[in-house]
Protein backbone atom coordinates (compact mmCIF):
# COMPACT_ATOMS: atom_id res chain seq x y z
CA MET A 1 146.56 207.97 10.92
CA LYS A 2 143.65 207.03 8.83
CA SER A 3 143.40 206.68 5.20
CA GLU A 4 140.97 206.76 2.37
CA LYS A 5 138.22 204.10 2.51
CA ILE A 6 136.52 203.30 -0.88
CA ILE A 7 132.91 202.29 -0.70
CA ASN A 8 130.55 201.10 -3.35
CA PRO A 9 127.03 202.61 -2.83
CA VAL A 10 123.79 201.04 -3.84
CA ASN A 11 122.70 201.36 -7.66
CA GLY A 12 120.80 204.41 -8.09
CA TYR A 13 118.59 203.16 -10.79
CA LEU A 14 117.07 200.65 -8.21
CA ALA A 15 116.47 203.73 -5.90
CA VAL A 16 114.71 205.56 -8.84
CA THR A 17 112.54 202.44 -9.56
CA LEU A 18 111.38 202.57 -5.83
CA LEU A 19 110.87 206.22 -6.27
CA LEU A 20 108.59 205.74 -9.11
CA ILE A 21 106.52 203.12 -7.39
CA GLY A 22 106.38 205.39 -4.44
CA ALA A 23 105.15 208.13 -6.56
CA ALA A 24 102.45 205.96 -8.13
CA LEU A 25 101.20 204.97 -4.73
CA LEU A 26 101.20 208.67 -3.75
CA ALA A 27 99.17 209.42 -6.83
CA PHE A 28 96.71 206.47 -5.99
CA GLY A 29 96.53 207.64 -2.46
CA ILE A 30 95.53 211.23 -3.65
CA PHE A 31 93.10 210.09 -6.12
CA SER A 32 91.32 207.51 -3.63
CA GLN A 33 91.45 210.06 -0.75
CA ALA A 34 93.53 207.65 1.37
CA PRO A 35 95.10 209.80 4.05
CA ILE A 36 97.27 207.20 5.74
CA LEU A 37 98.75 205.93 2.30
CA ILE A 38 99.58 209.96 1.51
CA ILE A 39 101.13 210.23 5.13
CA LEU A 40 102.94 207.26 4.77
CA MET A 41 104.51 207.73 1.23
CA ILE A 42 105.56 211.38 1.43
CA PRO A 43 108.36 210.69 3.75
CA VAL A 44 109.56 207.78 2.11
CA LEU A 45 109.81 209.62 -1.21
CA ILE A 46 111.79 212.30 0.59
CA PHE A 47 113.97 209.71 2.14
CA ILE A 48 114.66 207.93 -1.36
CA LEU A 49 115.05 211.33 -3.15
CA LYS A 50 117.62 212.87 -0.63
CA GLY A 51 119.87 209.81 -0.97
CA LEU A 52 120.29 209.92 -4.66
CA ILE A 53 123.79 211.33 -5.75
CA ILE A 54 125.27 211.82 -9.36
CA ILE A 55 129.19 211.43 -9.51
CA SER A 56 130.72 212.66 -12.79
CA PRO A 57 133.93 211.00 -14.06
CA ASN A 58 137.28 211.84 -12.32
CA SER A 59 135.18 213.06 -9.35
CA SER A 60 134.54 211.81 -5.91
CA LYS A 61 132.33 212.19 -2.78
CA VAL A 62 133.57 212.11 0.65
CA LEU A 63 130.93 210.85 3.11
CA LEU A 64 130.49 211.81 6.76
CA LEU A 65 127.79 210.77 9.40
CA PHE A 66 127.40 213.23 12.06
CA GLY A 67 131.30 214.07 11.74
CA ASN A 68 132.42 210.44 11.44
CA TYR A 69 134.17 209.53 8.20
CA LYS A 70 132.38 206.73 6.30
CA GLY A 71 134.23 206.53 3.15
CA THR A 72 134.54 207.92 -0.22
CA VAL A 73 132.90 207.05 -3.47
CA LYS A 74 134.98 207.55 -6.67
CA VAL A 75 133.02 205.31 -9.31
CA ASN A 76 131.13 207.63 -11.59
CA GLY A 77 127.14 207.05 -12.20
CA LEU A 78 123.83 207.42 -10.39
CA PHE A 79 123.93 205.99 -6.72
CA TRP A 80 121.90 206.04 -3.52
CA ILE A 81 123.33 206.55 -0.01
CA ASN A 82 122.34 207.15 3.36
CA PRO A 83 120.38 210.54 3.22
CA PHE A 84 122.02 211.52 6.55
CA TYR A 85 125.52 211.45 5.03
CA ALA A 86 127.14 214.84 4.73
CA ARG A 87 128.76 214.97 1.32
CA TYR A 88 131.91 216.87 0.15
CA THR A 89 132.93 216.81 -3.75
CA TYR A 90 136.57 216.46 -4.65
CA SER A 91 137.71 216.52 -8.23
CA LEU A 92 140.19 213.87 -9.15
CA ARG A 93 141.38 215.52 -12.55
CA ALA A 94 145.02 216.68 -12.94
CA ARG A 95 145.45 220.32 -12.65
CA ASN A 96 148.24 222.79 -13.25
CA PHE A 97 150.02 225.24 -10.72
CA GLU A 98 152.60 227.75 -11.81
CA SER A 99 154.47 229.38 -8.90
CA GLU A 100 155.32 233.07 -8.97
CA LYS A 101 158.74 234.16 -9.92
CA ILE A 102 160.72 234.26 -6.63
CA LYS A 103 164.00 235.63 -5.81
CA VAL A 104 166.19 232.92 -3.97
CA ASN A 105 170.02 232.59 -3.60
CA ASP A 106 171.62 229.45 -5.42
CA LYS A 107 174.32 227.21 -3.72
CA MET A 108 177.08 229.94 -4.39
CA GLY A 109 174.99 232.72 -3.07
CA ASN A 110 174.10 234.37 -6.34
CA PRO A 111 170.53 235.98 -6.40
CA ILE A 112 168.37 234.22 -9.09
CA MET A 113 164.77 234.38 -10.25
CA ILE A 114 163.03 231.08 -10.35
CA SER A 115 159.47 229.72 -10.91
CA VAL A 116 158.20 226.00 -11.27
CA ILE A 117 155.25 224.36 -13.04
CA LEU A 118 153.53 221.58 -11.03
CA VAL A 119 150.90 219.11 -12.36
CA TRP A 120 149.02 217.49 -9.62
CA ARG A 121 145.83 215.78 -8.58
CA VAL A 122 144.07 214.53 -5.62
CA GLN A 123 145.00 210.80 -4.63
CA ASP A 124 143.86 210.28 -0.99
CA THR A 125 140.56 212.27 -0.38
CA PHE A 126 140.66 211.53 3.38
CA LYS A 127 144.11 213.33 3.70
CA CYS A 128 143.11 215.99 1.40
CA ALA A 129 139.77 216.72 3.32
CA PHE A 130 141.00 216.22 6.92
CA GLU A 131 144.83 216.38 7.27
CA VAL A 132 145.24 219.83 5.85
CA ASP A 133 143.04 223.01 6.38
CA SER A 134 143.14 224.13 2.71
CA TYR A 135 144.85 221.70 0.42
CA SER A 136 145.31 224.28 -2.38
CA THR A 137 146.95 227.05 0.06
CA PHE A 138 148.97 223.98 1.18
CA ILE A 139 150.33 223.18 -2.44
CA GLN A 140 151.21 226.92 -2.92
CA ILE A 141 153.27 227.30 0.05
CA GLN A 142 155.04 223.86 0.10
CA THR A 143 155.84 224.52 -3.53
CA ASP A 144 157.61 227.79 -2.85
CA SER A 145 159.26 226.29 0.01
CA ALA A 146 160.51 223.29 -2.17
CA VAL A 147 161.70 225.77 -4.86
CA ARG A 148 163.90 227.68 -2.32
CA LYS A 149 165.44 224.56 -1.06
CA LEU A 150 166.12 223.19 -4.73
CA ALA A 151 167.70 226.58 -5.55
CA GLY A 152 169.93 226.31 -2.42
CA SER A 153 171.20 223.04 -3.45
CA PHE A 154 172.86 223.57 -6.78
CA PRO A 155 174.83 226.49 -8.41
CA TYR A 156 173.26 228.46 -11.25
CA ASP A 157 176.06 227.19 -13.72
CA HIS A 158 179.67 226.15 -13.82
CA PHE A 159 181.14 229.39 -13.74
CA GLU A 160 181.09 229.75 -9.99
CA ASP A 161 181.53 225.86 -9.22
CA GLU A 162 183.45 224.28 -11.83
CA THR A 163 183.47 220.96 -9.91
CA ALA A 164 179.73 220.80 -9.69
CA THR A 165 178.14 217.91 -11.57
CA ILE A 166 174.62 219.29 -11.53
CA THR A 167 173.46 222.93 -12.15
CA LEU A 168 170.19 224.60 -12.41
CA SER A 169 171.02 225.87 -15.88
CA THR A 170 172.19 222.76 -17.63
CA ASN A 171 171.08 219.64 -15.85
CA PHE A 172 167.26 220.08 -16.43
CA ASP A 173 166.35 216.39 -16.09
CA ASP A 174 168.31 216.12 -12.83
CA VAL A 175 167.05 219.21 -11.38
CA ASN A 176 163.36 218.17 -12.12
CA ILE A 177 163.87 214.88 -10.71
CA ALA A 178 165.11 216.27 -7.65
CA LEU A 179 162.28 218.92 -7.57
CA GLU A 180 159.56 216.12 -8.05
CA LYS A 181 161.05 214.03 -5.15
CA GLU A 182 161.03 216.95 -2.97
CA LEU A 183 157.32 217.98 -3.74
CA THR A 184 156.17 214.36 -3.64
CA GLU A 185 157.47 214.11 0.09
CA ARG A 186 155.95 217.41 0.94
CA LEU A 187 152.47 216.83 -0.43
CA GLU A 188 151.98 213.23 0.48
CA ILE A 189 150.45 214.53 3.88
CA ALA A 190 147.67 216.22 1.92
CA GLY A 191 147.05 213.08 -0.30
CA ILE A 192 148.32 214.88 -3.27
CA GLU A 193 150.03 213.12 -6.27
CA VAL A 194 152.87 214.92 -8.01
CA VAL A 195 152.16 214.12 -11.70
CA GLU A 196 154.99 216.10 -13.06
CA SER A 197 157.19 219.12 -11.89
CA ARG A 198 159.77 221.03 -13.83
CA ILE A 199 161.39 224.51 -13.70
CA GLY A 200 159.37 226.99 -15.73
CA TYR A 201 161.57 230.04 -15.54
CA LEU A 202 165.29 230.48 -14.50
CA ALA A 203 167.42 233.61 -14.80
CA TYR A 204 169.70 235.72 -12.72
CA ALA A 205 168.22 238.50 -10.68
CA PRO A 206 168.16 241.77 -12.57
CA GLU A 207 170.70 243.59 -10.22
CA ILE A 208 173.46 241.08 -11.40
CA ALA A 209 172.23 239.84 -14.71
CA HIS A 210 174.10 242.49 -16.66
CA SER A 211 177.51 241.43 -14.78
CA MET A 212 176.88 237.86 -15.37
CA LEU A 213 176.33 238.41 -18.98
CA ARG A 214 179.58 240.33 -19.42
CA ARG A 215 181.34 237.36 -17.49
CA GLN A 216 179.91 234.79 -19.83
CA GLN A 217 180.83 236.82 -22.82
CA ALA A 218 184.38 237.24 -21.60
CA SER A 219 184.77 233.55 -20.97
CA ALA A 220 183.59 232.93 -24.61
CA VAL A 221 186.19 235.51 -25.97
CA VAL A 222 188.80 233.86 -24.08
CA ALA A 223 187.90 230.27 -25.35
CA ALA A 224 187.78 231.52 -28.89
CA ARG A 225 191.14 233.33 -28.32
CA HIS A 226 192.46 230.04 -27.04
CA LYS A 227 191.35 228.17 -30.35
CA ILE A 228 192.68 230.93 -32.46
CA VAL A 229 196.03 230.94 -30.81
CA GLU A 230 196.36 227.09 -31.18
CA GLY A 231 195.32 227.17 -34.73
CA ALA A 232 197.92 229.95 -35.32
CA VAL A 233 200.77 228.08 -33.64
CA GLY A 234 200.20 225.19 -35.71
CA MET A 235 200.05 227.16 -39.00
CA VAL A 236 203.40 228.70 -38.04
CA GLU A 237 204.89 225.42 -37.12
CA SER A 238 203.74 224.10 -40.56
CA ALA A 239 205.19 226.96 -42.47
CA LEU A 240 208.44 226.92 -40.87
CA LYS A 241 208.75 223.16 -41.40
CA LEU A 242 207.64 223.58 -44.93
CA LEU A 243 210.21 226.21 -45.74
CA ALA A 244 212.94 224.21 -44.24
CA ASP A 245 212.13 220.86 -46.00
CA LYS A 246 211.93 222.56 -49.31
CA ASP A 247 215.18 224.41 -48.44
CA ILE A 248 213.73 227.69 -49.80
CA ILE A 249 215.35 229.99 -47.32
CA THR A 250 217.48 229.39 -44.10
CA PHE A 251 216.63 231.36 -40.98
CA ASP A 252 218.72 232.06 -38.21
CA GLU A 253 217.15 232.46 -34.68
CA ASP A 254 216.57 236.31 -34.81
CA ARG A 255 215.01 236.00 -38.41
CA LYS A 256 212.80 232.90 -37.20
CA ALA A 257 211.57 234.89 -34.20
CA THR A 258 210.73 237.90 -36.61
CA MET A 259 208.88 235.59 -38.67
CA VAL A 260 206.75 233.91 -36.03
CA SER A 261 206.09 237.15 -34.56
CA ASN A 262 204.67 238.64 -37.89
CA LEU A 263 202.79 235.57 -38.74
CA MET A 264 201.22 235.45 -35.16
CA VAL A 265 200.31 239.20 -35.64
CA VAL A 266 198.55 238.41 -39.20
CA LEU A 267 196.76 235.26 -37.77
CA CYS A 268 195.44 236.39 -34.46
CA GLY A 269 194.65 240.04 -35.11
CA ASP A 270 191.20 241.32 -35.16
CA SER A 271 191.78 243.75 -38.00
CA GLU A 272 193.07 243.38 -41.40
CA THR A 273 196.81 243.45 -41.83
CA LYS A 274 198.36 245.90 -44.25
CA PRO A 275 201.75 244.55 -45.67
CA VAL A 276 204.94 246.66 -46.08
CA ILE A 277 206.87 245.86 -49.12
CA ASN A 278 210.64 245.84 -48.25
CA THR A 279 212.70 246.75 -51.49
CA GLY A 280 216.04 246.56 -49.71
CA THR A 281 217.60 243.74 -47.72
CA LEU A 282 215.99 241.85 -44.93
CA ASN A 283 218.14 243.62 -42.53
CA GLN A 284 217.02 247.05 -43.60
């Protein structure tokens, strides 16, 4: 497979100097009525003028001679090339591409909505011009394909797969590195350099988003309850130990169980407790 060949064309200012000299000779031929000089200088001027090209910064010209690739000019400025060369301009500037939000399944089979942002630029003009039909369309299709493969390689979060080391919603750096590697391999055939790629949008699909939100809320409530119970048990234990150390009151097992139950209700309850004053004995 061929690759890009860089060529350095003739300085254009030299060609402009010859063009001015030829124009002066043509004017002299017209003024002196020398038809041979006129007939000679007109095709020479056309030949020189047609070979002049201007290349802007971060731009390039792919040159073909009767269908045969001759090389690429990447330096900017004024140059002169063979007038019979066919010229195709390719920008070398970095460009952004944001894919559409597509619905795919993650590793656990959950439908999610995802899109990516890709920063790319042309690196090999030969591959870009001749290895693919339309490099812009090729980038779009291959990006969508890479996103689908990426989504199917990792779970959305740890709720479905607690053993997962990388998830789409938490390990952004690892996921973006995997995405960039996949896109680099896919776009290399078109001579495209992947400057940066990252996930631009990530969410559960609308049909399961509400259920997943309730599941996350339930998990958060369970985790909060667990912390509350742990704290309440520690407080009850400290209270019983303090009462025993100060010899304030002696509990039998039944009274100790009753006190523990009352303290747990007070400490773990959602609503404010209302105390009941006992004016009799503890057994009444």
